Amino acid sequence: MHAVGLFEAKTHLSEYVTRAEAGEEVIITRHNKPVAKIVPLHAKPVAPVQVIPKFVQRTFNMGPLLVKETNMNRLVAELDNLEFIKLTARLERAARTRKRANEAA
């Protein structure tokens, strides 16, 4: 049995419904007092859902890597360099535009 606050239950309702489908009961609390329970409609003998830490949930089951891991750092560094070059060029254009505006005034 798992207890969660009302806001947490509202935010992650689909996760708790999935847990209920798997046979787990979830108690919803308001101000730390139990007020409701999510239970499976039909009892199925299924293993309980494994709780995955939130930092893992974002990357869990995203499929195979599209890039070799050995090349990943190099590619990220290249992207950072390209973004830096673009930013520098944009700042130089803005400085030239300001200089021309000051000269014209």
PDB file of N, CA and C in Angstrom:
ATOM      1  N   MET A   1       0.850  -1.167   0.000  1.00  0.00           N
ATOM      2  CA  MET A   1       0.000   0.000   0.000  1.00  0.00           C
ATOM      3  C   MET A   1       0.899   1.235   0.000  1.00  0.00           C
ATOM      4  N   HIS A   2       0.507   2.243  -0.761  1.00  0.00           N
ATOM      5  CA  HIS A   2       1.314   3.443  -0.935  1.00  0.00           C
ATOM      6  C   HIS A   2       0.431   4.654  -0.633  1.00  0.00           C
ATOM      7  N   ALA A   3       0.925   5.606   0.151  1.00  0.00           N
ATOM      8  CA  ALA A   3       0.145   6.801   0.481  1.00  0.00           C
ATOM      9  C   ALA A   3       0.782   8.021  -0.177  1.00  0.00           C
ATOM     10  N   VAL A   4      -0.056   8.857  -0.801  1.00  0.00           N
ATOM     11  CA  VAL A   4       0.425  10.079  -1.454  1.00  0.00           C
ATOM     12  C   VAL A   4      -0.515  11.231  -1.116  1.00  0.00           C
ATOM     13  N   GLY A   5       0.036  12.440  -1.182  1.00  0.00           N
ATOM     14  CA  GLY A   5      -0.779  13.624  -0.969  1.00  0.00           C
ATOM     15  C   GLY A   5      -1.681  13.893  -2.156  1.00  0.00           C
ATOM     16  N   LEU A   6      -2.690  14.703  -1.951  1.00  0.00           N
ATOM     17  CA  LEU A   6      -3.668  14.998  -2.993  1.00  0.00           C
ATOM     18  C   LEU A   6      -3.013  15.651  -4.206  1.00  0.00           C
ATOM     19  N   PHE A   7      -2.139  16.629  -3.978  1.00  0.00           N
ATOM     20  CA  PHE A   7      -1.473  17.311  -5.094  1.00  0.00           C
ATOM     21  C   PHE A   7      -0.620  16.335  -5.887  1.00  0.00           C
ATOM     22  N   GLU A   8       0.126  15.494  -5.189  1.00  0.00           N
ATOM     23  CA  GLU A   8       0.962  14.485  -5.849  1.00  0.00           C
ATOM     24  C   GLU A   8       0.095  13.525  -6.657  1.00  0.00           C
ATOM     25  N   ALA A   9      -1.034  13.099  -6.095  1.00  0.00           N
ATOM     26  CA  ALA A   9      -1.932  12.183  -6.799  1.00  0.00           C
ATOM     27  C   ALA A   9      -2.502  12.846  -8.048  1.00  0.00           C
ATOM     28  N   LYS A  10      -2.841  14.122  -7.952  1.00  0.00           N
ATOM     29  CA  LYS A  10      -3.386  14.836  -9.104  1.00  0.00           C
ATOM     30  C   LYS A  10      -2.316  14.968 -10.184  1.00  0.00           C
ATOM     31  N   THR A  11      -1.110  15.273  -9.770  1.00  0.00           N
ATOM     32  CA  THR A  11      -0.025  15.489 -10.718  1.00  0.00           C
ATOM     33  C   THR A  11       0.368  14.201 -11.441  1.00  0.00           C
ATOM     34  N   HIS A  12       0.357  13.081 -10.729  1.00  0.00           N
ATOM     35  CA  HIS A  12       0.820  11.813 -11.299  1.00  0.00           C
ATOM     36  C   HIS A  12      -0.288  10.762 -11.299  1.00  0.00           C
ATOM     37  N   LEU A  13      -1.498  11.171 -11.606  1.00  0.00           N
ATOM     38  CA  LEU A  13      -2.640  10.263 -11.540  1.00  0.00           C
ATOM     39  C   LEU A  13      -2.453   9.036 -12.419  1.00  0.00           C
ATOM     40  N   SER A  14      -1.963   9.211 -13.636  1.00  0.00           N
ATOM     41  CA  SER A  14      -1.824   8.061 -14.533  1.00  0.00           C
ATOM     42  C   SER A  14      -0.876   7.017 -13.956  1.00  0.00           C
ATOM     43  N   GLU A  15       0.181   7.462 -13.277  1.00  0.00           N
ATOM     44  CA  GLU A  15       1.109   6.515 -12.650  1.00  0.00           C
ATOM     45  C   GLU A  15       0.400   5.698 -11.580  1.00  0.00           C
ATOM     46  N   TYR A  16      -0.435   6.359 -10.762  1.00  0.00           N
ATOM     47  CA  TYR A  16      -1.116   5.653  -9.682  1.00  0.00           C
ATOM     48  C   TYR A  16      -2.230   4.757 -10.208  1.00  0.00           C
ATOM     49  N   VAL A  17      -2.850   5.129 -11.310  1.00  0.00           N
ATOM     50  CA  VAL A  17      -3.845   4.250 -11.928  1.00  0.00           C
ATOM     51  C   VAL A  17      -3.152   3.002 -12.473  1.00  0.00           C
ATOM     52  N   THR A  18      -1.979   3.187 -13.061  1.00  0.00           N
ATOM     53  CA  THR A  18      -1.207   2.037 -13.556  1.00  0.00           C
ATOM     54  C   THR A  18      -0.838   1.116 -12.412  1.00  0.00           C
ATOM     55  N   ARG A  19      -0.454   1.697 -11.291  1.00  0.00           N
ATOM     56  CA  ARG A  19      -0.137   0.880 -10.113  1.00  0.00           C
ATOM     57  C   ARG A  19      -1.369   0.108  -9.653  1.00  0.00           C
ATOM     58  N   ALA A  20      -2.521   0.762  -9.664  1.00  0.00           N
ATOM     59  CA  ALA A  20      -3.757   0.091  -9.262  1.00  0.00           C
ATOM     60  C   ALA A  20      -4.080  -1.050 -10.216  1.00  0.00           C
ATOM     61  N   GLU A  21      -3.871  -0.831 -11.514  1.00  0.00           N
ATOM     62  CA  GLU A  21      -4.095  -1.904 -12.488  1.00  0.00           C
ATOM     63  C   GLU A  21      -3.199  -3.097 -12.207  1.00  0.00           C
ATOM     64  N   ALA A  22      -2.012  -2.814 -11.686  1.00  0.00           N
ATOM     65  CA  ALA A  22      -1.066  -3.882 -11.382  1.00  0.00           C
ATOM     66  C   ALA A  22      -1.378  -4.568 -10.055  1.00  0.00           C
ATOM     67  N   GLY A  23      -2.407  -4.085  -9.349  1.00  0.00           N
ATOM     68  CA  GLY A  23      -2.815  -4.729  -8.119  1.00  0.00           C
ATOM     69  C   GLY A  23      -2.442  -3.986  -6.850  1.00  0.00           C
ATOM     70  N   GLU A  24      -1.775  -2.872  -6.960  1.00  0.00           N
ATOM     71  CA  GLU A  24      -1.359  -2.112  -5.779  1.00  0.00           C
ATOM     72  C   GLU A  24      -2.466  -1.148  -5.355  1.00  0.00           C
ATOM     73  N   GLU A  25      -2.595  -0.926  -4.072  1.00  0.00           N
ATOM     74  CA  GLU A  25      -3.549   0.043  -3.561  1.00  0.00           C
ATOM     75  C   GLU A  25      -2.812   1.339  -3.239  1.00  0.00           C
ATOM     76  N   VAL A  26      -3.417   2.466  -3.589  1.00  0.00           N
ATOM     77  CA  VAL A  26      -2.821   3.775  -3.340  1.00  0.00           C
ATOM     78  C   VAL A  26      -3.800   4.580  -2.496  1.00  0.00           C
ATOM     79  N   ILE A  27      -3.328   5.079  -1.360  1.00  0.00           N
ATOM     80  CA  ILE A  27      -4.162   5.897  -0.484  1.00  0.00           C
ATOM     81  C   ILE A  27      -3.836   7.359  -0.735  1.00  0.00           C
ATOM     82  N   ILE A  28      -4.871   8.176  -0.907  1.00  0.00           N
ATOM     83  CA  ILE A  28      -4.699   9.616  -1.132  1.00  0.00           C
ATOM     84  C   ILE A  28      -4.988  10.327   0.188  1.00  0.00           C
ATOM     85  N   THR A  29      -4.073  11.214   0.560  1.00  0.00           N
ATOM     86  CA  THR A  29      -4.234  11.946   1.822  1.00  0.00           C
ATOM     87  C   THR A  29      -4.424  13.433   1.555  1.00  0.00           C
ATOM     88  N   ARG A  30      -5.144  14.072   2.475  1.00  0.00           N
ATOM     89  CA  ARG A  30      -5.279  15.528   2.460  1.00  0.00           C
ATOM     90  C   ARG A  30      -4.877  15.989   3.855  1.00  0.00           C
ATOM     91  N   HIS A  31      -3.861  16.843   3.910  1.00  0.00           N
ATOM     92  CA  HIS A  31      -3.313  17.305   5.195  1.00  0.00           C
ATOM     93  C   HIS A  31      -2.912  16.114   6.068  1.00  0.00           C
ATOM     94  N   ASN A  32      -2.267  15.129   5.433  1.00  0.00           N
ATOM     95  CA  ASN A  32      -1.751  13.923   6.094  1.00  0.00           C
ATOM     96  C   ASN A  32      -2.832  13.033   6.701  1.00  0.00           C
ATOM     97  N   LYS A  33      -4.079  13.185   6.258  1.00  0.00           N
ATOM     98  CA  LYS A  33      -5.159  12.318   6.717  1.00  0.00           C
ATOM     99  C   LYS A  33      -5.711  11.564   5.511  1.00  0.00           C
ATOM    100  N   PRO A  34      -5.842  10.239   5.592  1.00  0.00           N
ATOM    101  CA  PRO A  34      -6.368   9.470   4.467  1.00  0.00           C
ATOM    102  C   PRO A  34      -7.796   9.883   4.125  1.00  0.00           C
ATOM    103  N   VAL A  35      -8.053  10.147   2.828  1.00  0.00           N
ATOM    104  CA  VAL A  35      -9.397  10.541   2.410  1.00  0.00           C
ATOM    105  C   VAL A  35      -9.946   9.675   1.275  1.00  0.00           C
ATOM    106  N   ALA A  36      -9.070   8.993   0.536  1.00  0.00           N
ATOM    107  CA  ALA A  36      -9.542   8.176  -0.586  1.00  0.00           C
ATOM    108  C   ALA A  36      -8.537   7.066  -0.858  1.00  0.00           C
ATOM    109  N   LYS A  37      -8.994   6.063  -1.626  1.00  0.00           N
ATOM    110  CA  LYS A  37      -8.119   4.951  -1.971  1.00  0.00           C
ATOM    111  C   LYS A  37      -8.350   4.591  -3.433  1.00  0.00           C
ATOM    112  N   ILE A  38      -7.271   4.407  -4.162  1.00  0.00           N
ATOM    113  CA  ILE A  38      -7.347   3.902  -5.533  1.00  0.00           C
ATOM    114  C   ILE A  38      -7.027   2.416  -5.457  1.00  0.00           C
ATOM    115  N   VAL A  39      -7.974   1.601  -5.894  1.00  0.00           N
ATOM    116  CA  VAL A  39      -7.799   0.151  -5.826  1.00  0.00           C
ATOM    117  C   VAL A  39      -8.066  -0.440  -7.201  1.00  0.00           C
ATOM    118  N   PRO A  40      -7.544  -1.635  -7.463  1.00  0.00           N
ATOM    119  CA  PRO A  40      -7.824  -2.269  -8.757  1.00  0.00           C
ATOM    120  C   PRO A  40      -9.295  -2.665  -8.854  1.00  0.00           C
ATOM    121  N   LEU A  41      -9.863  -2.480 -10.022  1.00  0.00           N
ATOM    122  CA  LEU A  41     -11.260  -2.839 -10.231  1.00  0.00           C
ATOM    123  C   LEU A  41     -11.426  -4.357 -10.199  1.00  0.00           C
ATOM    124  N   HIS A  42     -10.538  -5.059 -10.873  1.00  0.00           N
ATOM    125  CA  HIS A  42     -10.538  -6.519 -10.889  1.00  0.00           C
ATOM    126  C   HIS A  42      -9.174  -6.963 -10.402  1.00  0.00           C
ATOM    127  N   ALA A  43      -9.173  -7.785  -9.378  1.00  0.00           N
ATOM    128  CA  ALA A  43      -7.905  -8.244  -8.818  1.00  0.00           C
ATOM    129  C   ALA A  43      -7.197  -9.153  -9.815  1.00  0.00           C
ATOM    130  N   LYS A  44      -5.968  -8.787 -10.152  1.00  0.00           N
ATOM    131  CA  LYS A  44      -5.134  -9.598 -11.027  1.00  0.00           C
ATOM    132  C   LYS A  44      -3.866  -9.944 -10.260  1.00  0.00           C
ATOM    133  N   PRO A  45      -3.419 -11.169 -10.320  1.00  0.00           N
ATOM    134  CA  PRO A  45      -2.171 -11.512  -9.653  1.00  0.00           C
ATOM    135  C   PRO A  45      -0.974 -11.044 -10.489  1.00  0.00           C
ATOM    136  N   VAL A  46      -0.620  -9.787 -10.324  1.00  0.00           N
ATOM    137  CA  VAL A  46       0.483  -9.198 -11.073  1.00  0.00           C
ATOM    138  C   VAL A  46       1.489  -8.652 -10.073  1.00  0.00           C
ATOM    139  N   ALA A  47       2.764  -8.724 -10.431  1.00  0.00           N
ATOM    140  CA  ALA A  47       3.814  -8.200  -9.551  1.00  0.00           C
ATOM    141  C   ALA A  47       3.636  -6.692  -9.384  1.00  0.00           C
ATOM    142  N   PRO A  48       3.927  -6.152  -8.189  1.00  0.00           N
ATOM    143  CA  PRO A  48       3.792  -4.709  -7.983  1.00  0.00           C
ATOM    144  C   PRO A  48       4.736  -3.925  -8.893  1.00  0.00           C
ATOM    145  N   VAL A  49       4.321  -2.723  -9.222  1.00  0.00           N
ATOM    146  CA  VAL A  49       5.113  -1.862 -10.095  1.00  0.00           C
ATOM    147  C   VAL A  49       6.373  -1.434  -9.366  1.00  0.00           C
ATOM    148  N   GLN A  50       7.500  -1.531 -10.057  1.00  0.00           N
ATOM    149  CA  GLN A  50       8.765  -1.115  -9.463  1.00  0.00           C
ATOM    150  C   GLN A  50       8.823   0.406  -9.434  1.00  0.00           C
ATOM    151  N   VAL A  51       9.150   0.966  -8.294  1.00  0.00           N
ATOM    152  CA  VAL A  51       9.258   2.419  -8.166  1.00  0.00           C
ATOM    153  C   VAL A  51      10.601   2.841  -8.749  1.00  0.00           C
ATOM    154  N   ILE A  52      10.555   3.729  -9.733  1.00  0.00           N
ATOM    155  CA  ILE A  52      11.771   4.212 -10.382  1.00  0.00           C
ATOM    156  C   ILE A  52      12.022   5.628  -9.901  1.00  0.00           C
ATOM    157  N   PRO A  53      13.234   5.945  -9.445  1.00  0.00           N
ATOM    158  CA  PRO A  53      13.518   7.308  -9.003  1.00  0.00           C
ATOM    159  C   PRO A  53      13.227   8.308 -10.107  1.00  0.00           C
ATOM    160  N   LYS A  54      12.800   9.529  -9.725  1.00  0.00           N
ATOM    161  CA  LYS A  54      12.391  10.523 -10.708  1.00  0.00           C
ATOM    162  C   LYS A  54      13.500  10.871 -11.692  1.00  0.00           C
ATOM    163  N   PHE A  55      14.754  10.894 -11.236  1.00  0.00           N
ATOM    164  CA  PHE A  55      15.829  11.261 -12.149  1.00  0.00           C
ATOM    165  C   PHE A  55      16.044  10.193 -13.212  1.00  0.00           C
ATOM    166  N   VAL A  56      15.601   8.983 -12.972  1.00  0.00           N
ATOM    167  CA  VAL A  56      15.736   7.923 -13.958  1.00  0.00           C
ATOM    168  C   VAL A  56      14.540   7.909 -14.904  1.00  0.00           C
ATOM    169  N   GLN A  57      13.373   8.348 -14.434  1.00  0.00           N
ATOM    170  CA  GLN A  57      12.166   8.276 -15.243  1.00  0.00           C
ATOM    171  C   GLN A  57      12.300   9.050 -16.545  1.00  0.00           C
ATOM    172  N   ARG A  58      13.042  10.133 -16.544  1.00  0.00           N
ATOM    173  CA  ARG A  58      13.160  10.941 -17.764  1.00  0.00           C
ATOM    174  C   ARG A  58      13.877  10.197 -18.877  1.00  0.00           C
ATOM    175  N   THR A  59      14.825   9.333 -18.519  1.00  0.00           N
ATOM    176  CA  THR A  59      15.611   8.651 -19.532  1.00  0.00           C
ATOM    177  C   THR A  59      15.268   7.174 -19.652  1.00  0.00           C
ATOM    178  N   PHE A  60      14.349   6.692 -18.826  1.00  0.00           N
ATOM    179  CA  PHE A  60      14.016   5.278 -18.824  1.00  0.00           C
ATOM    180  C   PHE A  60      13.302   4.882 -20.109  1.00  0.00           C
ATOM    181  N   ASN A  61      13.761   3.818 -20.733  1.00  0.00           N
ATOM    182  CA  ASN A  61      13.122   3.229 -21.907  1.00  0.00           C
ATOM    183  C   ASN A  61      13.000   4.210 -23.063  1.00  0.00           C
ATOM    184  N   MET A  62      14.083   4.890 -23.386  1.00  0.00           N
ATOM    185  CA  MET A  62      14.072   5.822 -24.519  1.00  0.00           C
ATOM    186  C   MET A  62      14.565   5.157 -25.787  1.00  0.00           C
ATOM    187  N   GLY A  63      14.855   3.857 -25.738  1.00  0.00           N
ATOM    188  CA  GLY A  63      15.316   3.143 -26.908  1.00  0.00           C
ATOM    189  C   GLY A  63      16.831   3.178 -27.026  1.00  0.00           C
ATOM    190  N   PRO A  64      17.344   2.623 -28.127  1.00  0.00           N
ATOM    191  CA  PRO A  64      18.802   2.576 -28.295  1.00  0.00           C
ATOM    192  C   PRO A  64      19.376   3.968 -28.553  1.00  0.00           C
ATOM    193  N   LEU A  65      20.631   4.127 -28.205  1.00  0.00           N
ATOM    194  CA  LEU A  65      21.309   5.403 -28.456  1.00  0.00           C
ATOM    195  C   LEU A  65      21.435   5.641 -29.952  1.00  0.00           C
ATOM    196  N   LEU A  66      21.268   6.874 -30.368  1.00  0.00           N
ATOM    197  CA  LEU A  66      21.394   7.219 -31.779  1.00  0.00           C
ATOM    198  C   LEU A  66      22.835   7.521 -32.155  1.00  0.00           C
ATOM    199  N   VAL A  67      23.672   7.765 -31.150  1.00  0.00           N
ATOM    200  CA  VAL A  67      25.067   8.115 -31.367  1.00  0.00           C
ATOM    201  C   VAL A  67      25.914   7.219 -30.475  1.00  0.00           C
ATOM    202  N   LYS A  68      27.091   6.844 -30.961  1.00  0.00           N
ATOM    203  CA  LYS A  68      27.985   6.055 -30.125  1.00  0.00           C
ATOM    204  C   LYS A  68      28.374   6.867 -28.907  1.00  0.00           C
ATOM    205  N   GLU A  69      28.443   6.198 -27.771  1.00  0.00           N
ATOM    206  CA  GLU A  69      28.762   6.893 -26.528  1.00  0.00           C
ATOM    207  C   GLU A  69      30.130   7.557 -26.587  1.00  0.00           C
ATOM    208  N   THR A  70      31.055   6.961 -27.307  1.00  0.00           N
ATOM    209  CA  THR A  70      32.402   7.535 -27.381  1.00  0.00           C
ATOM    210  C   THR A  70      32.418   8.857 -28.132  1.00  0.00           C
ATOM    211  N   ASN A  71      31.481   9.048 -29.038  1.00  0.00           N
ATOM    212  CA  ASN A  71      31.435  10.289 -29.820  1.00  0.00           C
ATOM    213  C   ASN A  71      30.569  11.366 -29.172  1.00  0.00           C
ATOM    214  N   MET A  72      29.807  10.990 -28.150  1.00  0.00           N
ATOM    215  CA  MET A  72      28.838  11.906 -27.575  1.00  0.00           C
ATOM    216  C   MET A  72      29.474  13.192 -27.038  1.00  0.00           C
ATOM    217  N   ASN A  73      30.536  13.072 -26.244  1.00  0.00           N
ATOM    218  CA  ASN A  73      31.181  14.264 -25.674  1.00  0.00           C
ATOM    219  C   ASN A  73      31.735  15.170 -26.757  1.00  0.00           C
ATOM    220  N   ARG A  74      32.320  14.567 -27.794  1.00  0.00           N
ATOM    221  CA  ARG A  74      32.872  15.366 -28.887  1.00  0.00           C
ATOM    222  C   ARG A  74      31.760  16.137 -29.597  1.00  0.00           C
ATOM    223  N   LEU A  75      30.627  15.473 -29.823  1.00  0.00           N
ATOM    224  CA  LEU A  75      29.516  16.131 -30.500  1.00  0.00           C
ATOM    225  C   LEU A  75      28.941  17.264 -29.653  1.00  0.00           C
ATOM    226  N   VAL A  76      28.838  17.036 -28.358  1.00  0.00           N
ATOM    227  CA  VAL A  76      28.324  18.079 -27.464  1.00  0.00           C
ATOM    228  C   VAL A  76      29.268  19.274 -27.469  1.00  0.00           C
ATOM    229  N   ALA A  77      30.572  19.014 -27.450  1.00  0.00           N
ATOM    230  CA  ALA A  77      31.556  20.105 -27.483  1.00  0.00           C
ATOM    231  C   ALA A  77      31.436  20.889 -28.785  1.00  0.00           C
ATOM    232  N   GLU A  78      31.240  20.180 -29.904  1.00  0.00           N
ATOM    233  CA  GLU A  78      31.075  20.870 -31.190  1.00  0.00           C
ATOM    234  C   GLU A  78      29.826  21.734 -31.187  1.00  0.00           C
ATOM    235  N   LEU A  79      28.731  21.210 -30.635  1.00  0.00           N
ATOM    236  CA  LEU A  79      27.503  22.006 -30.571  1.00  0.00           C
ATOM    237  C   LEU A  79      27.706  23.246 -29.721  1.00  0.00           C
ATOM    238  N   ASP A  80      28.405  23.086 -28.582  1.00  0.00           N
ATOM    239  CA  ASP A  80      28.685  24.241 -27.730  1.00  0.00           C
ATOM    240  C   ASP A  80      29.502  25.278 -28.482  1.00  0.00           C
ATOM    241  N   ASN A  81      30.500  24.809 -29.242  1.00  0.00           N
ATOM    242  CA  ASN A  81      31.327  25.734 -30.011  1.00  0.00           C
ATOM    243  C   ASN A  81      30.499  26.455 -31.070  1.00  0.00           C
ATOM    244  N   LEU A  82      29.628  25.729 -31.761  1.00  0.00           N
ATOM    245  CA  LEU A  82      28.791  26.348 -32.788  1.00  0.00           C
ATOM    246  C   LEU A  82      27.871  27.396 -32.174  1.00  0.00           C
ATOM    247  N   GLU A  83      27.279  27.087 -31.031  1.00  0.00           N
ATOM    248  CA  GLU A  83      26.408  28.053 -30.363  1.00  0.00           C
ATOM    249  C   GLU A  83      27.193  29.290 -29.942  1.00  0.00           C
ATOM    250  N   PHE A  84      28.430  29.085 -29.463  1.00  0.00           N
ATOM    251  CA  PHE A  84      29.274  30.213 -29.069  1.00  0.00           C
ATOM    252  C   PHE A  84      29.607  31.085 -30.279  1.00  0.00           C
ATOM    253  N   ILE A  85      29.908  30.460 -31.407  1.00  0.00           N
ATOM    254  CA  ILE A  85      30.227  31.211 -32.628  1.00  0.00           C
ATOM    255  C   ILE A  85      29.009  32.008 -33.080  1.00  0.00           C
ATOM    256  N   LYS A  86      27.820  31.395 -33.051  1.00  0.00           N
ATOM    257  CA  LYS A  86      26.595  32.093 -33.440  1.00  0.00           C
ATOM    258  C   LYS A  86      26.326  33.281 -32.524  1.00  0.00           C
ATOM    259  N   LEU A  87      26.497  33.092 -31.224  1.00  0.00           N
ATOM    260  CA  LEU A  87      26.277  34.167 -30.272  1.00  0.00           C
ATOM    261  C   LEU A  87      27.264  35.305 -30.490  1.00  0.00           C
ATOM    262  N   THR A  88      28.524  34.965 -30.705  1.00  0.00           N
ATOM    263  CA  THR A  88      29.542  35.986 -30.946  1.00  0.00           C
ATOM    264  C   THR A  88      29.209  36.791 -32.197  1.00  0.00           C
ATOM    265  N   ALA A  89      28.808  36.105 -33.271  1.00  0.00           N
ATOM    266  CA  ALA A  89      28.459  36.801 -34.511  1.00  0.00           C
ATOM    267  C   ALA A  89      27.257  37.723 -34.290  1.00  0.00           C
ATOM    268  N   ARG A  90      26.273  37.264 -33.552  1.00  0.00           N
ATOM    269  CA  ARG A  90      25.090  38.086 -33.283  1.00  0.00           C
ATOM    270  C   ARG A  90      25.463  39.323 -32.461  1.00  0.00           C
ATOM    271  N   LEU A  91      26.320  39.149 -31.468  1.00  0.00           N
ATOM    272  CA  LEU A  91      26.749  40.294 -30.657  1.00  0.00           C
ATOM    273  C   LEU A  91      27.563  41.291 -31.479  1.00  0.00           C
ATOM    274  N   GLU A  92      28.410  40.775 -32.368  1.00  0.00           N
ATOM    275  CA  GLU A  92      29.192  41.677 -33.228  1.00  0.00           C
ATOM    276  C   GLU A  92      28.273  42.467 -34.164  1.00  0.00           C
ATOM    277  N   ARG A  93      27.250  41.818 -34.728  1.00  0.00           N
ATOM    278  CA  ARG A  93      26.296  42.526 -35.591  1.00  0.00           C
ATOM    279  C   ARG A  93      25.569  43.609 -34.805  1.00  0.00           C
ATOM    280  N   ALA A  94      25.155  43.271 -33.585  1.00  0.00           N
ATOM    281  CA  ALA A  94      24.450  44.251 -32.756  1.00  0.00           C
ATOM    282  C   ALA A  94      25.363  45.428 -32.428  1.00  0.00           C
ATOM    283  N   ALA A  95      26.644  45.173 -32.163  1.00  0.00           N
ATOM    284  CA  ALA A  95      27.589  46.250 -31.863  1.00  0.00           C
ATOM    285  C   ALA A  95      27.792  47.138 -33.081  1.00  0.00           C
ATOM    286  N   ARG A  96      27.901  46.525 -34.263  1.00  0.00           N
ATOM    287  CA  ARG A  96      28.058  47.321 -35.496  1.00  0.00           C
ATOM    288  C   ARG A  96      26.826  48.185 -35.740  1.00  0.00           C
ATOM    289  N   THR A  97      25.642  47.609 -35.505  1.00  0.00           N
ATOM    290  CA  THR A  97      24.405  48.366 -35.694  1.00  0.00           C
ATOM    291  C   THR A  97      24.351  49.554 -34.737  1.00  0.00           C
ATOM    292  N   ARG A  98      24.714  49.348 -33.487  1.00  0.00           N
ATOM    293  CA  ARG A  98      24.738  50.451 -32.523  1.00  0.00           C
ATOM    294  C   ARG A  98      25.758  51.510 -32.916  1.00  0.00           C
ATOM    295  N   LYS A  99      26.919  51.076 -33.397  1.00  0.00           N
ATOM    296  CA  LYS A  99      27.968  52.017 -33.799  1.00  0.00           C
ATOM    297  C   LYS A  99      27.470  52.875 -34.958  1.00  0.00           C
ATOM    298  N   ARG A 100      26.824  52.225 -35.960  1.00  0.00           N
ATOM    299  CA  ARG A 100      26.292  53.000 -37.105  1.00  0.00           C
ATOM    300  C   ARG A 100      25.214  53.971 -36.647  1.00  0.00           C
ATOM    301  N   ALA A 101      24.371  53.541 -35.720  1.00  0.00           N
ATOM    302  CA  ALA A 101      23.309  54.430 -35.217  1.00  0.00           C
ATOM    303  C   ALA A 101      23.916  55.615 -34.482  1.00  0.00           C
ATOM    304  N   ASN A 102      24.977  55.396 -33.729  1.00  0.00           N
ATOM    305  CA  ASN A 102      25.640  56.499 -33.009  1.00  0.00           C
ATOM    306  C   ASN A 102      26.339  57.444 -33.976  1.00  0.00           C
ATOM    307  N   GLU A 103      26.942  56.909 -35.037  1.00  0.00           N
ATOM    308  CA  GLU A 103      27.609  57.744 -36.035  1.00  0.00           C
ATOM    309  C   GLU A 103      26.607  58.587 -36.817  1.00  0.00           C
ATOM    310  N   ALA A 104      25.430  58.006 -37.083  1.00  0.00           N
ATOM    311  CA  ALA A 104      24.416  58.735 -37.834  1.00  0.00           C
ATOM    312  C   ALA A 104      23.765  59.843 -36.987  1.00  0.00           C
ATOM    313  N   ALA A 105      23.783  59.676 -35.696  1.00  0.00           N
ATOM    314  CA  ALA A 105      23.132  60.660 -34.826  1.00  0.00           C
ATOM    315  C   ALA A 105      23.959  61.879 -34.585  1.00  0.00           C
TER     316      ALA A 105
END
